[in-house]
Amino acid sequence: MPADAHSHHHHAASPRDELNRTALSATIHCLTGCAIGEILGLAIGTALGWGTAPTITLAVALAFLFGYALTMLPLLRSGLPFGTALGLALAADTASITLMEIVDNAIMLVIPGAMDAGLASPLFWGSLAVALLIAGAFAFPLNRWLISRGRGHAVVHSFHGHRS
């Protein structure tokens, strides 16, 4: 075993580890907003007996709403004006949420019966869980790439704790 094999326990993380950690955090953050919106949208559409297209439209709209809201809350708490926080959220999350929504909804559409399964069905919830996890796996490299170029959540992180 190399002498420095355990050095990461005693020293600061490498820039690559830090980039991966930030990208993972951004991806989980985006995935949380997407999941809240997707679950609410699919649940509302299904409960109201809506067809696939309006249900997905609602789920996507709510995924963007909750994704942006989760980014904006800490920025607003730090004292940034609403317009600034909104601009940062749009810049940080639009690409990631868009990719997640495309992947998530495509998977839900290709799993036989998933969209028609109903809220009481394990097929519906299992399909949604798998779709969201795969969507997150697709978004991680995008978030990592954006952050490595000073975009995406790198911009937001520079504003956390902006003012007391």
C-alpha atoms as a PDB file:
ATOM      1  CA  MET A   1       0.000   0.000   0.000  1.00  0.00           C
ATOM      2  CA  PRO A   2       1.463   3.401  -0.892  1.00  0.00           C
ATOM      3  CA  ALA A   3       2.506   5.639   1.964  1.00  0.00           C
ATOM      4  CA  ASP A   4      -0.013   8.280   0.921  1.00  0.00           C
ATOM      5  CA  ALA A   5      -2.965   5.855   0.591  1.00  0.00           C
ATOM      6  CA  HIS A   6      -4.672   7.243   3.664  1.00  0.00           C
ATOM      7  CA  SER A   7      -3.528  10.850   3.321  1.00  0.00           C
ATOM      8  CA  HIS A   8      -7.014  11.940   2.250  1.00  0.00           C
ATOM      9  CA  HIS A   9      -8.148  11.356   5.818  1.00  0.00           C
ATOM     10  CA  HIS A  10      -5.705  13.957   7.096  1.00  0.00           C
ATOM     11  CA  HIS A  11      -5.584  16.585   4.353  1.00  0.00           C
ATOM     12  CA  ALA A  12      -8.020  18.692   2.391  1.00  0.00           C
ATOM     13  CA  ALA A  13      -9.857  17.005  -0.468  1.00  0.00           C
ATOM     14  CA  SER A  14      -8.303  17.211  -3.904  1.00  0.00           C
ATOM     15  CA  PRO A  15      -9.871  19.637  -6.391  1.00  0.00           C
ATOM     16  CA  ARG A  16     -11.317  16.611  -8.235  1.00  0.00           C
ATOM     17  CA  ASP A  17     -12.886  15.233  -5.034  1.00  0.00           C
ATOM     18  CA  GLU A  18     -14.261  18.678  -4.240  1.00  0.00           C
ATOM     19  CA  LEU A  19     -15.694  18.994  -7.764  1.00  0.00           C
ATOM     20  CA  ASN A  20     -17.324  15.561  -7.488  1.00  0.00           C
ATOM     21  CA  ARG A  21     -18.731  16.397  -4.048  1.00  0.00           C
ATOM     22  CA  THR A  22     -20.157  19.723  -5.274  1.00  0.00           C
ATOM     23  CA  ALA A  23     -21.606  18.081  -8.403  1.00  0.00           C
ATOM     24  CA  LEU A  24     -23.173  15.303  -6.327  1.00  0.00           C
ATOM     25  CA  SER A  25     -24.652  17.856  -3.934  1.00  0.00           C
ATOM     26  CA  ALA A  26     -26.052  19.878  -6.853  1.00  0.00           C
ATOM     27  CA  THR A  27     -27.462  16.730  -8.469  1.00  0.00           C
ATOM     28  CA  ILE A  28     -29.132  15.531  -5.250  1.00  0.00           C
ATOM     29  CA  HIS A  29     -30.482  19.037  -4.723  1.00  0.00           C
ATOM     30  CA  CYS A  30     -31.943  19.180  -8.246  1.00  0.00           C
ATOM     31  CA  LEU A  31     -33.220  15.630  -7.962  1.00  0.00           C
ATOM     32  CA  THR A  32     -35.031  16.523  -4.729  1.00  0.00           C
ATOM     33  CA  GLY A  33     -36.877  19.402  -6.397  1.00  0.00           C
ATOM     34  CA  CYS A  34     -37.629  17.272  -9.453  1.00  0.00           C
ATOM     35  CA  ALA A  35     -38.881  14.399  -7.308  1.00  0.00           C
ATOM     36  CA  ILE A  36     -41.196  16.630  -5.255  1.00  0.00           C
ATOM     37  CA  GLY A  37     -42.629  18.178  -8.425  1.00  0.00           C
ATOM     38  CA  GLU A  38     -42.871  14.885 -10.293  1.00  0.00           C
ATOM     39  CA  ILE A  39     -44.588  13.083  -7.430  1.00  0.00           C
ATOM     40  CA  LEU A  40     -47.051  15.912  -6.861  1.00  0.00           C
ATOM     41  CA  GLY A  41     -47.755  16.370 -10.569  1.00  0.00           C
ATOM     42  CA  LEU A  42     -48.170  12.676 -11.293  1.00  0.00           C
ATOM     43  CA  ALA A  43     -50.256  12.199  -8.155  1.00  0.00           C
ATOM     44  CA  ILE A  44     -52.553  15.143  -8.959  1.00  0.00           C
ATOM     45  CA  GLY A  45     -52.921  14.181 -12.627  1.00  0.00           C
ATOM     46  CA  THR A  46     -53.550  10.538 -11.792  1.00  0.00           C
ATOM     47  CA  ALA A  47     -55.985  11.335  -8.984  1.00  0.00           C
ATOM     48  CA  LEU A  48     -57.950  13.634 -11.305  1.00  0.00           C
ATOM     49  CA  GLY A  49     -58.009  11.007 -14.055  1.00  0.00           C
ATOM     50  CA  TRP A  50     -56.059  13.184 -16.468  1.00  0.00           C
ATOM     51  CA  GLY A  51     -54.411  11.716 -19.557  1.00  0.00           C
ATOM     52  CA  THR A  52     -50.675  11.219 -19.941  1.00  0.00           C
ATOM     53  CA  ALA A  53     -49.889  14.544 -21.668  1.00  0.00           C
ATOM     54  CA  PRO A  54     -51.538  16.914 -19.157  1.00  0.00           C
ATOM     55  CA  THR A  55     -50.243  14.851 -16.238  1.00  0.00           C
ATOM     56  CA  ILE A  56     -46.654  15.004 -17.510  1.00  0.00           C
ATOM     57  CA  THR A  57     -47.038  18.713 -18.280  1.00  0.00           C
ATOM     58  CA  LEU A  58     -48.101  19.386 -14.683  1.00  0.00           C
ATOM     59  CA  ALA A  59     -45.346  17.161 -13.278  1.00  0.00           C
ATOM     60  CA  VAL A  60     -42.668  18.923 -15.356  1.00  0.00           C
ATOM     61  CA  ALA A  61     -43.953  22.389 -14.418  1.00  0.00           C
ATOM     62  CA  LEU A  62     -43.953  21.473 -10.723  1.00  0.00           C
ATOM     63  CA  ALA A  63     -40.487  19.888 -10.998  1.00  0.00           C
ATOM     64  CA  PHE A  64     -39.091  23.170 -12.329  1.00  0.00           C
ATOM     65  CA  LEU A  65     -41.004  25.172  -9.702  1.00  0.00           C
ATOM     66  CA  PHE A  66     -39.730  23.101  -6.784  1.00  0.00           C
ATOM     67  CA  GLY A  67     -36.217  22.811  -8.229  1.00  0.00           C
ATOM     68  CA  TYR A  68     -35.922  26.576  -8.543  1.00  0.00           C
ATOM     69  CA  ALA A  69     -37.564  27.154  -5.152  1.00  0.00           C
ATOM     70  CA  LEU A  70     -35.066  24.881  -3.370  1.00  0.00           C
ATOM     71  CA  THR A  71     -32.197  26.844  -4.917  1.00  0.00           C
ATOM     72  CA  MET A  72     -33.758  30.213  -4.144  1.00  0.00           C
ATOM     73  CA  LEU A  73     -34.623  29.641  -0.465  1.00  0.00           C
ATOM     74  CA  PRO A  74     -31.069  29.787   0.943  1.00  0.00           C
ATOM     75  CA  LEU A  75     -30.245  32.691  -1.377  1.00  0.00           C
ATOM     76  CA  LEU A  76     -33.265  34.665  -0.172  1.00  0.00           C
ATOM     77  CA  ARG A  77     -32.405  33.788   3.447  1.00  0.00           C
ATOM     78  CA  SER A  78     -28.889  35.157   2.883  1.00  0.00           C
ATOM     79  CA  GLY A  79     -30.416  38.510   1.958  1.00  0.00           C
ATOM     80  CA  LEU A  80     -30.299  38.479  -1.829  1.00  0.00           C
ATOM     81  CA  PRO A  81     -33.167  40.251  -3.581  1.00  0.00           C
ATOM     82  CA  PHE A  82     -35.823  38.020  -5.172  1.00  0.00           C
ATOM     83  CA  GLY A  83     -34.827  38.953  -8.749  1.00  0.00           C
ATOM     84  CA  THR A  84     -31.174  38.128  -8.115  1.00  0.00           C
ATOM     85  CA  ALA A  85     -32.051  34.823  -6.440  1.00  0.00           C
ATOM     86  CA  LEU A  86     -34.387  33.916  -9.308  1.00  0.00           C
ATOM     87  CA  GLY A  87     -31.726  34.720 -11.901  1.00  0.00           C
ATOM     88  CA  LEU A  88     -29.184  32.569 -10.068  1.00  0.00           C
ATOM     89  CA  ALA A  89     -31.670  29.692  -9.753  1.00  0.00           C
ATOM     90  CA  LEU A  90     -32.512  29.865 -13.461  1.00  0.00           C
ATOM     91  CA  ALA A  91     -28.820  29.883 -14.361  1.00  0.00           C
ATOM     92  CA  ALA A  92     -27.906  27.118 -11.923  1.00  0.00           C
ATOM     93  CA  ASP A  93     -30.741  24.663 -12.437  1.00  0.00           C
ATOM     94  CA  THR A  94     -32.310  24.992 -15.878  1.00  0.00           C
ATOM     95  CA  ALA A  95     -29.946  22.625 -17.734  1.00  0.00           C
ATOM     96  CA  SER A  96     -29.940  20.030 -14.952  1.00  0.00           C
ATOM     97  CA  ILE A  97     -33.714  20.035 -14.411  1.00  0.00           C
ATOM     98  CA  THR A  98     -34.353  19.944 -18.160  1.00  0.00           C
ATOM     99  CA  LEU A  99     -32.127  16.891 -18.595  1.00  0.00           C
ATOM    100  CA  MET A 100     -33.635  15.157 -15.554  1.00  0.00           C
ATOM    101  CA  GLU A 101     -37.168  15.780 -16.775  1.00  0.00           C
ATOM    102  CA  ILE A 102     -36.444  14.487 -20.285  1.00  0.00           C
ATOM    103  CA  VAL A 103     -34.822  11.306 -18.956  1.00  0.00           C
ATOM    104  CA  ASP A 104     -37.343  10.752 -16.151  1.00  0.00           C
ATOM    105  CA  ASN A 105     -40.414  11.183 -18.344  1.00  0.00           C
ATOM    106  CA  ALA A 106     -38.959   9.154 -21.219  1.00  0.00           C
ATOM    107  CA  ILE A 107     -38.359   6.257 -18.825  1.00  0.00           C
ATOM    108  CA  MET A 108     -41.863   6.543 -17.360  1.00  0.00           C
ATOM    109  CA  LEU A 109     -43.282   6.453 -20.901  1.00  0.00           C
ATOM    110  CA  VAL A 110     -41.285   3.397 -21.999  1.00  0.00           C
ATOM    111  CA  ILE A 111     -42.033   1.258 -18.930  1.00  0.00           C
ATOM    112  CA  PRO A 112     -45.149  -0.645 -19.961  1.00  0.00           C
ATOM    113  CA  GLY A 113     -48.149   0.430 -17.902  1.00  0.00           C
ATOM    114  CA  ALA A 114     -46.234   2.829 -15.634  1.00  0.00           C
ATOM    115  CA  MET A 115     -48.259   5.923 -16.521  1.00  0.00           C
ATOM    116  CA  ASP A 116     -51.579   4.082 -16.243  1.00  0.00           C
ATOM    117  CA  ALA A 117     -50.743   2.081 -13.135  1.00  0.00           C
ATOM    118  CA  GLY A 118     -52.400   4.413 -10.626  1.00  0.00           C
ATOM    119  CA  LEU A 119     -51.153   5.747  -7.316  1.00  0.00           C
ATOM    120  CA  ALA A 120     -51.864   2.533  -5.402  1.00  0.00           C
ATOM    121  CA  SER A 121     -49.661   0.495  -7.726  1.00  0.00           C
ATOM    122  CA  PRO A 122     -46.127  -0.609  -6.863  1.00  0.00           C
ATOM    123  CA  LEU A 123     -45.463  -0.464 -10.640  1.00  0.00           C
ATOM    124  CA  PHE A 124     -46.121   3.296 -10.638  1.00  0.00           C
ATOM    125  CA  TRP A 125     -43.915   4.068  -7.618  1.00  0.00           C
ATOM    126  CA  GLY A 126     -41.170   1.607  -8.585  1.00  0.00           C
ATOM    127  CA  SER A 127     -41.065   3.013 -12.112  1.00  0.00           C
ATOM    128  CA  LEU A 128     -40.911   6.568 -10.790  1.00  0.00           C
ATOM    129  CA  ALA A 129     -38.103   5.711  -8.351  1.00  0.00           C
ATOM    130  CA  VAL A 130     -36.067   4.015 -11.084  1.00  0.00           C
ATOM    131  CA  ALA A 131     -36.758   6.871 -13.526  1.00  0.00           C
ATOM    132  CA  LEU A 132     -35.632   9.512 -11.011  1.00  0.00           C
ATOM    133  CA  LEU A 133     -32.458   7.612 -10.092  1.00  0.00           C
ATOM    134  CA  ILE A 134     -31.501   7.204 -13.743  1.00  0.00           C
ATOM    135  CA  ALA A 135     -32.304  10.880 -14.373  1.00  0.00           C
ATOM    136  CA  GLY A 136     -29.968  11.807 -11.506  1.00  0.00           C
ATOM    137  CA  ALA A 137     -27.223   9.609 -12.990  1.00  0.00           C
ATOM    138  CA  PHE A 138     -27.604  11.475 -16.285  1.00  0.00           C
ATOM    139  CA  ALA A 139     -27.544  14.888 -14.576  1.00  0.00           C
ATOM    140  CA  PHE A 140     -24.422  14.289 -12.451  1.00  0.00           C
ATOM    141  CA  PRO A 141     -21.907  14.597 -15.340  1.00  0.00           C
ATOM    142  CA  LEU A 142     -23.746  17.656 -16.648  1.00  0.00           C
ATOM    143  CA  ASN A 143     -23.616  19.335 -13.220  1.00  0.00           C
ATOM    144  CA  ARG A 144     -19.952  18.347 -12.831  1.00  0.00           C
ATOM    145  CA  TRP A 145     -19.120  19.849 -16.245  1.00  0.00           C
ATOM    146  CA  LEU A 146     -21.026  23.081 -15.515  1.00  0.00           C
ATOM    147  CA  ILE A 147     -19.434  23.503 -12.074  1.00  0.00           C
ATOM    148  CA  SER A 148     -15.940  22.818 -13.454  1.00  0.00           C
ATOM    149  CA  ARG A 149     -16.491  25.795 -15.777  1.00  0.00           C
ATOM    150  CA  GLY A 150     -17.743  28.097 -13.015  1.00  0.00           C
ATOM    151  CA  ARG A 151     -21.378  27.699 -14.062  1.00  0.00           C
ATOM    152  CA  GLY A 152     -24.424  25.935 -12.670  1.00  0.00           C
ATOM    153  CA  HIS A 153     -24.306  25.516  -8.931  1.00  0.00           C
ATOM    154  CA  ALA A 154     -20.788  26.978  -8.748  1.00  0.00           C
ATOM    155  CA  VAL A 155     -22.444  30.377  -9.218  1.00  0.00           C
ATOM    156  CA  VAL A 156     -25.011  29.693  -6.494  1.00  0.00           C
ATOM    157  CA  HIS A 157     -22.396  28.428  -4.025  1.00  0.00           C
ATOM    158  CA  SER A 158     -20.489  31.682  -4.315  1.00  0.00           C
ATOM    159  CA  PHE A 159     -23.586  33.484  -2.976  1.00  0.00           C
ATOM    160  CA  HIS A 160     -24.442  31.214  -0.024  1.00  0.00           C
ATOM    161  CA  GLY A 161     -24.074  33.175   3.157  1.00  0.00           C
ATOM    162  CA  HIS A 162     -23.712  36.330   1.031  1.00  0.00           C
ATOM    163  CA  ARG A 163     -25.070  38.617   3.770  1.00  0.00           C
ATOM    164  CA  SER A 164     -26.014  38.064   7.373  1.00  0.00           C
END
